[in-house]
Amino acid sequence: MDKKIIGITLAYAIIMMSLILVTFVGKWNPSGYSYSLSNQQLTIEKGLFSKETTDIAIEDRIDQAISFSLSISEENQQWRMDVIVIGLLLPFLLLLLVPERRPFKNHLSYPWFAVIVAALALLYASYSVPAHITEINDIQNQVNTLLQE
């Protein structure tokens, strides 16, 4: 193996390990919110390492708490799908840096390979980013509603 491939492999491993640790161990998603529910008490946490916590009594607002937890679950699901897609597309993006080691080099010229990889990344981003924006806005509105009452 040459140094470029070792560098790409190392970069991939560092990026993916960071994403996986933050997502699954840190229970982070792009909204920054997580929650726990116990004994008619909803605890909303914001942040990754130094979490700000807010406790809310939900005795008469179970429907709002369920709606909030559903929105967080949808955001978590979207983010986990993003991590999987990043894991699939990242090697191709990194191989753009080493044209002589790219896949399909006998069948596809470098410019076409670059266009196809960039198009796939942009196509997924055009789906994912608006979905995150919608969910994050919904989560923020639900948090504001829960905190006002």
N, C-alpha and C. Protein backbone atom coordinates (compact mmCIF):
# COMPACT_ATOMS: atom_id res chain seq x y z
N MET A 1 0.85 -1.19 0.00
CA MET A 1 0.00 0.00 0.00
C MET A 1 0.89 1.24 0.00
N ASP A 2 0.48 2.20 -0.79
CA ASP A 2 1.25 3.43 -0.80
C ASP A 2 0.72 4.40 0.25
N LYS A 3 1.44 5.48 0.45
CA LYS A 3 1.12 6.43 1.52
C LYS A 3 -0.22 7.12 1.28
N LYS A 4 -0.58 7.34 0.03
CA LYS A 4 -1.86 8.02 -0.25
C LYS A 4 -3.05 7.16 0.19
N ILE A 5 -3.00 5.89 -0.10
CA ILE A 5 -4.09 5.00 0.28
C ILE A 5 -4.15 4.85 1.80
N ILE A 6 -3.00 4.77 2.43
CA ILE A 6 -2.97 4.71 3.89
C ILE A 6 -3.56 5.99 4.48
N GLY A 7 -3.22 7.13 3.90
CA GLY A 7 -3.77 8.41 4.36
C GLY A 7 -5.27 8.49 4.18
N ILE A 8 -5.77 8.02 3.03
CA ILE A 8 -7.21 8.03 2.78
C ILE A 8 -7.92 7.08 3.75
N THR A 9 -7.35 5.92 3.97
CA THR A 9 -7.94 4.96 4.90
C THR A 9 -7.97 5.53 6.32
N LEU A 10 -6.89 6.16 6.71
CA LEU A 10 -6.82 6.77 8.04
C LEU A 10 -7.82 7.92 8.18
N ALA A 11 -7.92 8.77 7.15
CA ALA A 11 -8.89 9.87 7.17
C ALA A 11 -10.32 9.33 7.28
N TYR A 12 -10.61 8.30 6.50
CA TYR A 12 -11.94 7.69 6.55
C TYR A 12 -12.23 7.14 7.95
N ALA A 13 -11.27 6.43 8.51
CA ALA A 13 -11.46 5.83 9.83
C ALA A 13 -11.68 6.90 10.90
N ILE A 14 -10.91 7.98 10.85
CA ILE A 14 -11.05 9.04 11.85
C ILE A 14 -12.40 9.74 11.73
N ILE A 15 -12.79 10.08 10.50
CA ILE A 15 -14.06 10.77 10.28
C ILE A 15 -15.23 9.89 10.71
N MET A 16 -15.23 8.64 10.27
CA MET A 16 -16.36 7.76 10.59
C MET A 16 -16.41 7.40 12.07
N MET A 17 -15.25 7.18 12.68
CA MET A 17 -15.25 6.87 14.11
C MET A 17 -15.76 8.06 14.91
N SER A 18 -15.39 9.25 14.51
CA SER A 18 -15.88 10.45 15.19
C SER A 18 -17.39 10.56 15.05
N LEU A 19 -17.91 10.38 13.85
CA LEU A 19 -19.35 10.46 13.63
C LEU A 19 -20.09 9.38 14.42
N ILE A 20 -19.57 8.18 14.42
CA ILE A 20 -20.23 7.08 15.12
C ILE A 20 -20.20 7.31 16.63
N LEU A 21 -19.07 7.74 17.16
CA LEU A 21 -18.99 7.99 18.60
C LEU A 21 -19.93 9.11 19.03
N VAL A 22 -19.95 10.20 18.29
CA VAL A 22 -20.81 11.33 18.63
C VAL A 22 -22.28 10.93 18.52
N THR A 23 -22.61 10.16 17.48
CA THR A 23 -24.00 9.80 17.24
C THR A 23 -24.51 8.75 18.22
N PHE A 24 -23.76 7.68 18.40
CA PHE A 24 -24.29 6.56 19.18
C PHE A 24 -23.87 6.60 20.66
N VAL A 25 -22.67 7.04 20.94
CA VAL A 25 -22.24 7.12 22.34
C VAL A 25 -22.71 8.43 22.96
N GLY A 26 -22.51 9.55 22.22
CA GLY A 26 -22.93 10.85 22.73
C GLY A 26 -24.40 11.13 22.54
N LYS A 27 -25.10 10.26 21.79
CA LYS A 27 -26.53 10.41 21.50
C LYS A 27 -26.84 11.81 20.97
N TRP A 28 -26.01 12.26 20.03
CA TRP A 28 -26.16 13.58 19.44
C TRP A 28 -26.90 13.48 18.12
N ASN A 29 -27.65 14.52 17.80
CA ASN A 29 -28.24 14.69 16.47
C ASN A 29 -28.14 16.17 16.13
N PRO A 30 -28.36 16.55 14.88
CA PRO A 30 -28.18 17.95 14.50
C PRO A 30 -29.06 18.96 15.24
N SER A 31 -30.13 18.51 15.85
CA SER A 31 -30.95 19.46 16.61
C SER A 31 -30.28 19.82 17.93
N GLY A 32 -29.43 18.93 18.43
CA GLY A 32 -28.76 19.17 19.70
C GLY A 32 -29.59 18.79 20.91
N TYR A 33 -30.82 18.33 20.67
CA TYR A 33 -31.73 18.00 21.78
C TYR A 33 -31.81 16.48 21.99
N SER A 34 -31.96 16.11 23.23
CA SER A 34 -32.32 14.74 23.60
C SER A 34 -33.25 14.85 24.79
N TYR A 35 -33.79 13.74 25.21
CA TYR A 35 -34.75 13.81 26.31
C TYR A 35 -34.74 12.50 27.10
N SER A 36 -35.30 12.58 28.28
CA SER A 36 -35.60 11.38 29.06
C SER A 36 -36.95 11.62 29.74
N LEU A 37 -37.66 10.56 29.97
CA LEU A 37 -39.00 10.66 30.52
C LEU A 37 -39.11 9.70 31.70
N SER A 38 -39.52 10.24 32.86
CA SER A 38 -39.72 9.39 34.03
C SER A 38 -40.66 10.06 35.02
N ASN A 39 -41.60 9.28 35.51
CA ASN A 39 -42.52 9.74 36.56
C ASN A 39 -43.17 11.09 36.26
N GLN A 40 -43.81 11.20 35.12
CA GLN A 40 -44.51 12.42 34.73
C GLN A 40 -43.58 13.62 34.63
N GLN A 41 -42.30 13.37 34.41
CA GLN A 41 -41.29 14.42 34.30
C GLN A 41 -40.53 14.23 33.00
N LEU A 42 -40.54 15.25 32.16
CA LEU A 42 -39.78 15.24 30.92
C LEU A 42 -38.52 16.07 31.14
N THR A 43 -37.38 15.46 30.90
CA THR A 43 -36.11 16.17 31.02
C THR A 43 -35.57 16.40 29.62
N ILE A 44 -35.48 17.66 29.23
CA ILE A 44 -34.96 18.03 27.92
C ILE A 44 -33.50 18.42 28.09
N GLU A 45 -32.65 17.80 27.28
CA GLU A 45 -31.22 18.08 27.34
C GLU A 45 -30.79 18.69 26.02
N LYS A 46 -29.94 19.72 26.10
CA LYS A 46 -29.42 20.35 24.90
C LYS A 46 -27.91 20.42 25.01
N GLY A 47 -27.23 20.01 23.95
CA GLY A 47 -25.78 20.04 23.93
C GLY A 47 -25.20 18.66 23.80
N LEU A 48 -23.86 18.61 23.68
CA LEU A 48 -23.19 17.33 23.53
C LEU A 48 -22.43 16.94 24.79
N PHE A 49 -21.51 17.77 25.22
CA PHE A 49 -20.70 17.42 26.38
C PHE A 49 -21.21 18.09 27.65
N SER A 50 -21.45 19.38 27.61
CA SER A 50 -22.01 20.07 28.76
C SER A 50 -23.48 20.33 28.47
N LYS A 51 -24.31 19.38 28.84
CA LYS A 51 -25.72 19.45 28.50
C LYS A 51 -26.47 20.37 29.46
N GLU A 52 -27.27 21.23 28.85
CA GLU A 52 -28.19 22.06 29.63
C GLU A 52 -29.47 21.25 29.79
N THR A 53 -29.91 21.09 31.01
CA THR A 53 -31.11 20.29 31.24
C THR A 53 -32.24 21.17 31.76
N THR A 54 -33.43 20.82 31.32
CA THR A 54 -34.64 21.49 31.77
C THR A 54 -35.66 20.42 32.12
N ASP A 55 -36.20 20.49 33.31
CA ASP A 55 -37.22 19.54 33.74
C ASP A 55 -38.59 20.18 33.60
N ILE A 56 -39.51 19.40 33.02
CA ILE A 56 -40.87 19.90 32.79
C ILE A 56 -41.86 18.86 33.30
N ALA A 57 -42.80 19.31 34.12
CA ALA A 57 -43.87 18.42 34.58
C ALA A 57 -44.89 18.29 33.45
N ILE A 58 -45.19 17.05 33.08
CA ILE A 58 -46.06 16.84 31.92
C ILE A 58 -47.35 16.10 32.27
N GLU A 59 -47.78 16.23 33.49
CA GLU A 59 -48.96 15.49 33.94
C GLU A 59 -50.16 15.72 33.02
N ASP A 60 -50.42 16.96 32.66
CA ASP A 60 -51.57 17.26 31.82
C ASP A 60 -51.18 17.58 30.38
N ARG A 61 -49.93 17.34 30.02
CA ARG A 61 -49.46 17.63 28.65
C ARG A 61 -48.75 16.43 28.03
N ILE A 62 -49.30 15.27 28.24
CA ILE A 62 -48.70 14.04 27.72
C ILE A 62 -48.64 14.09 26.20
N ASP A 63 -49.69 14.64 25.56
CA ASP A 63 -49.71 14.69 24.10
C ASP A 63 -48.56 15.53 23.55
N GLN A 64 -48.23 16.64 24.20
CA GLN A 64 -47.10 17.46 23.76
C GLN A 64 -45.77 16.74 23.97
N ALA A 65 -45.66 16.03 25.06
CA ALA A 65 -44.43 15.28 25.34
C ALA A 65 -44.23 14.16 24.33
N ILE A 66 -45.31 13.48 23.97
CA ILE A 66 -45.22 12.41 22.97
C ILE A 66 -44.87 12.99 21.61
N SER A 67 -45.47 14.11 21.27
CA SER A 67 -45.15 14.77 20.00
C SER A 67 -43.68 15.19 19.95
N PHE A 68 -43.17 15.72 21.06
CA PHE A 68 -41.76 16.11 21.15
C PHE A 68 -40.86 14.90 20.99
N SER A 69 -41.18 13.82 21.69
CA SER A 69 -40.34 12.61 21.61
C SER A 69 -40.38 12.00 20.21
N LEU A 70 -41.51 12.09 19.53
CA LEU A 70 -41.61 11.60 18.16
C LEU A 70 -40.73 12.43 17.23
N SER A 71 -40.74 13.74 17.41
CA SER A 71 -39.90 14.60 16.58
C SER A 71 -38.42 14.32 16.80
N ILE A 72 -38.03 14.11 18.04
CA ILE A 72 -36.63 13.77 18.34
C ILE A 72 -36.28 12.43 17.70
N SER A 73 -37.19 11.47 17.76
CA SER A 73 -36.94 10.16 17.16
C SER A 73 -36.78 10.25 15.65
N GLU A 74 -37.61 11.09 15.02
CA GLU A 74 -37.49 11.28 13.57
C GLU A 74 -36.16 11.93 13.20
N GLU A 75 -35.73 12.91 13.99
CA GLU A 75 -34.44 13.56 13.74
C GLU A 75 -33.29 12.58 13.94
N ASN A 76 -33.38 11.76 15.00
CA ASN A 76 -32.36 10.74 15.23
C ASN A 76 -32.29 9.75 14.07
N GLN A 77 -33.44 9.33 13.58
CA GLN A 77 -33.49 8.38 12.47
C GLN A 77 -32.88 9.00 11.21
N GLN A 78 -33.22 10.25 10.92
CA GLN A 78 -32.66 10.93 9.75
C GLN A 78 -31.15 11.06 9.88
N TRP A 79 -30.66 11.43 11.05
CA TRP A 79 -29.22 11.59 11.26
C TRP A 79 -28.49 10.25 11.13
N ARG A 80 -29.06 9.19 11.66
CA ARG A 80 -28.42 7.88 11.54
C ARG A 80 -28.35 7.43 10.08
N MET A 81 -29.40 7.74 9.32
CA MET A 81 -29.35 7.44 7.89
C MET A 81 -28.27 8.27 7.21
N ASP A 82 -28.11 9.52 7.64
CA ASP A 82 -27.06 10.37 7.09
C ASP A 82 -25.67 9.79 7.38
N VAL A 83 -25.48 9.28 8.58
CA VAL A 83 -24.18 8.69 8.94
C VAL A 83 -23.89 7.49 8.04
N ILE A 84 -24.89 6.69 7.76
CA ILE A 84 -24.70 5.54 6.87
C ILE A 84 -24.36 6.00 5.46
N VAL A 85 -25.08 6.99 4.95
CA VAL A 85 -24.81 7.49 3.60
C VAL A 85 -23.43 8.16 3.53
N ILE A 86 -23.07 8.89 4.56
CA ILE A 86 -21.72 9.48 4.61
C ILE A 86 -20.68 8.37 4.56
N GLY A 87 -20.92 7.31 5.30
CA GLY A 87 -20.00 6.18 5.29
C GLY A 87 -19.87 5.53 3.92
N LEU A 88 -20.95 5.55 3.14
CA LEU A 88 -20.91 4.98 1.80
C LEU A 88 -20.28 5.92 0.77
N LEU A 89 -20.55 7.21 0.89
CA LEU A 89 -20.04 8.17 -0.11
C LEU A 89 -18.64 8.68 0.18
N LEU A 90 -18.25 8.71 1.44
CA LEU A 90 -16.96 9.27 1.82
C LEU A 90 -15.76 8.62 1.13
N PRO A 91 -15.71 7.30 0.98
CA PRO A 91 -14.56 6.73 0.27
C PRO A 91 -14.43 7.24 -1.16
N PHE A 92 -15.55 7.40 -1.84
CA PHE A 92 -15.50 7.90 -3.21
C PHE A 92 -15.05 9.37 -3.24
N LEU A 93 -15.52 10.15 -2.27
CA LEU A 93 -15.08 11.54 -2.19
C LEU A 93 -13.59 11.62 -1.88
N LEU A 94 -13.11 10.78 -0.99
CA LEU A 94 -11.69 10.78 -0.66
C LEU A 94 -10.85 10.28 -1.83
N LEU A 95 -11.38 9.34 -2.61
CA LEU A 95 -10.63 8.83 -3.76
C LEU A 95 -10.54 9.85 -4.89
N LEU A 96 -11.32 10.90 -4.81
CA LEU A 96 -11.15 12.00 -5.78
C LEU A 96 -9.77 12.65 -5.61
N LEU A 97 -9.20 12.53 -4.42
CA LEU A 97 -7.88 13.11 -4.15
C LEU A 97 -6.75 12.27 -4.74
N VAL A 98 -7.04 11.01 -5.07
CA VAL A 98 -6.03 10.10 -5.63
C VAL A 98 -6.60 9.51 -6.92
N PRO A 99 -6.54 10.27 -8.02
CA PRO A 99 -7.19 9.82 -9.26
C PRO A 99 -6.68 8.48 -9.79
N GLU A 100 -5.41 8.17 -9.58
CA GLU A 100 -4.87 6.92 -10.12
C GLU A 100 -5.36 5.68 -9.37
N ARG A 101 -5.94 5.84 -8.19
CA ARG A 101 -6.42 4.71 -7.40
C ARG A 101 -7.95 4.62 -7.35
N ARG A 102 -8.63 5.45 -8.12
CA ARG A 102 -10.09 5.48 -8.07
C ARG A 102 -10.68 4.20 -8.70
N PRO A 103 -11.87 3.82 -8.27
CA PRO A 103 -12.53 2.66 -8.88
C PRO A 103 -13.06 3.01 -10.27
N PHE A 104 -13.26 2.04 -11.08
CA PHE A 104 -13.82 2.18 -12.43
C PHE A 104 -12.93 3.02 -13.35
N LYS A 105 -11.63 3.12 -13.06
CA LYS A 105 -10.77 3.98 -13.87
C LYS A 105 -10.62 3.48 -15.29
N ASN A 106 -10.84 2.19 -15.54
CA ASN A 106 -10.75 1.66 -16.90
C ASN A 106 -12.01 1.93 -17.70
N HIS A 107 -13.10 2.23 -17.02
CA HIS A 107 -14.38 2.42 -17.70
C HIS A 107 -14.91 3.85 -17.64
N LEU A 108 -14.34 4.66 -16.76
CA LEU A 108 -14.88 5.99 -16.51
C LEU A 108 -13.74 6.97 -16.32
N SER A 109 -13.75 8.04 -17.09
CA SER A 109 -12.68 9.03 -16.95
C SER A 109 -12.81 9.76 -15.62
N TYR A 110 -11.71 10.37 -15.19
CA TYR A 110 -11.70 11.07 -13.90
C TYR A 110 -12.75 12.18 -13.84
N PRO A 111 -12.86 13.03 -14.87
CA PRO A 111 -13.90 14.08 -14.77
C PRO A 111 -15.31 13.52 -14.61
N TRP A 112 -15.62 12.43 -15.31
CA TRP A 112 -16.95 11.85 -15.17
C TRP A 112 -17.13 11.21 -13.80
N PHE A 113 -16.10 10.58 -13.30
CA PHE A 113 -16.15 10.02 -11.95
C PHE A 113 -16.41 11.12 -10.93
N ALA A 114 -15.69 12.24 -11.07
CA ALA A 114 -15.86 13.37 -10.15
C ALA A 114 -17.27 13.94 -10.24
N VAL A 115 -17.80 14.06 -11.45
CA VAL A 115 -19.15 14.61 -11.63
C VAL A 115 -20.19 13.67 -11.01
N ILE A 116 -20.05 12.38 -11.21
CA ILE A 116 -21.01 11.42 -10.68
C ILE A 116 -20.98 11.41 -9.15
N VAL A 117 -19.79 11.40 -8.57
CA VAL A 117 -19.68 11.39 -7.10
C VAL A 117 -20.23 12.69 -6.52
N ALA A 118 -19.88 13.82 -7.13
CA ALA A 118 -20.38 15.11 -6.64
C ALA A 118 -21.90 15.19 -6.79
N ALA A 119 -22.43 14.67 -7.90
CA ALA A 119 -23.88 14.69 -8.13
C ALA A 119 -24.60 13.85 -7.08
N LEU A 120 -24.06 12.68 -6.78
CA LEU A 120 -24.68 11.83 -5.75
C LEU A 120 -24.66 12.52 -4.39
N ALA A 121 -23.54 13.14 -4.04
CA ALA A 121 -23.44 13.84 -2.76
C ALA A 121 -24.42 15.02 -2.71
N LEU A 122 -24.49 15.79 -3.77
CA LEU A 122 -25.41 16.93 -3.82
C LEU A 122 -26.87 16.48 -3.82
N LEU A 123 -27.15 15.41 -4.52
CA LEU A 123 -28.52 14.90 -4.57
C LEU A 123 -28.98 14.47 -3.17
N TYR A 124 -28.12 13.75 -2.46
CA TYR A 124 -28.50 13.34 -1.11
C TYR A 124 -28.59 14.54 -0.17
N ALA A 125 -27.66 15.47 -0.30
CA ALA A 125 -27.69 16.67 0.55
C ALA A 125 -28.97 17.48 0.29
N SER A 126 -29.42 17.53 -0.96
CA SER A 126 -30.64 18.29 -1.26
C SER A 126 -31.87 17.63 -0.66
N TYR A 127 -31.78 16.35 -0.37
CA TYR A 127 -32.87 15.66 0.34
C TYR A 127 -32.72 15.82 1.85
N SER A 128 -31.51 15.64 2.34
CA SER A 128 -31.28 15.55 3.78
C SER A 128 -31.34 16.90 4.49
N VAL A 129 -30.72 17.91 3.93
CA VAL A 129 -30.65 19.22 4.61
C VAL A 129 -32.04 19.81 4.85
N PRO A 130 -32.93 19.86 3.84
CA PRO A 130 -34.27 20.38 4.13
C PRO A 130 -35.03 19.55 5.17
N ALA A 131 -34.82 18.23 5.16
CA ALA A 131 -35.49 17.39 6.16
C ALA A 131 -35.00 17.75 7.56
N HIS A 132 -33.69 17.97 7.71
CA HIS A 132 -33.16 18.37 9.02
C HIS A 132 -33.68 19.74 9.43
N ILE A 133 -33.70 20.68 8.52
CA ILE A 133 -34.17 22.03 8.84
C ILE A 133 -35.62 21.99 9.32
N THR A 134 -36.45 21.22 8.63
CA THR A 134 -37.86 21.10 9.01
C THR A 134 -37.99 20.48 10.40
N GLU A 135 -37.27 19.40 10.64
CA GLU A 135 -37.35 18.73 11.94
C GLU A 135 -36.80 19.60 13.06
N ILE A 136 -35.70 20.28 12.82
CA ILE A 136 -35.10 21.13 13.86
C ILE A 136 -36.04 22.28 14.21
N ASN A 137 -36.66 22.88 13.21
CA ASN A 137 -37.63 23.95 13.47
C ASN A 137 -38.81 23.42 14.28
N ASP A 138 -39.29 22.23 13.91
CA ASP A 138 -40.40 21.63 14.64
C ASP A 138 -40.01 21.34 16.09
N ILE A 139 -38.82 20.80 16.30
CA ILE A 139 -38.35 20.49 17.65
C ILE A 139 -38.23 21.78 18.47
N GLN A 140 -37.66 22.81 17.88
CA GLN A 140 -37.49 24.08 18.59
C GLN A 140 -38.85 24.69 18.97
N ASN A 141 -39.81 24.62 18.05
CA ASN A 141 -41.15 25.12 18.36
C ASN A 141 -41.80 24.32 19.49
N GLN A 142 -41.61 23.01 19.49
CA GLN A 142 -42.18 22.19 20.55
C GLN A 142 -41.52 22.46 21.89
N VAL A 143 -40.21 22.67 21.88
CA VAL A 143 -39.51 23.02 23.12
C VAL A 143 -40.04 24.34 23.66
N ASN A 144 -40.17 25.32 22.79
CA ASN A 144 -40.69 26.63 23.23
C ASN A 144 -42.09 26.49 23.79
N THR A 145 -42.93 25.67 23.17
CA THR A 145 -44.28 25.46 23.68
C THR A 145 -44.26 24.77 25.04
N LEU A 146 -43.42 23.76 25.18
CA LEU A 146 -43.33 23.06 26.46
C LEU A 146 -42.80 23.96 27.57
N LEU A 147 -41.89 24.87 27.24
CA LEU A 147 -41.31 25.74 28.26
C LEU A 147 -42.25 26.90 28.64
N GLN A 148 -43.14 27.30 27.75
CA GLN A 148 -44.02 28.43 28.03
C GLN A 148 -45.10 28.07 29.04
N GLU A 149 -45.58 26.89 28.99
CA GLU A 149 -46.74 26.54 29.84
C GLU A 149 -46.33 26.06 31.20
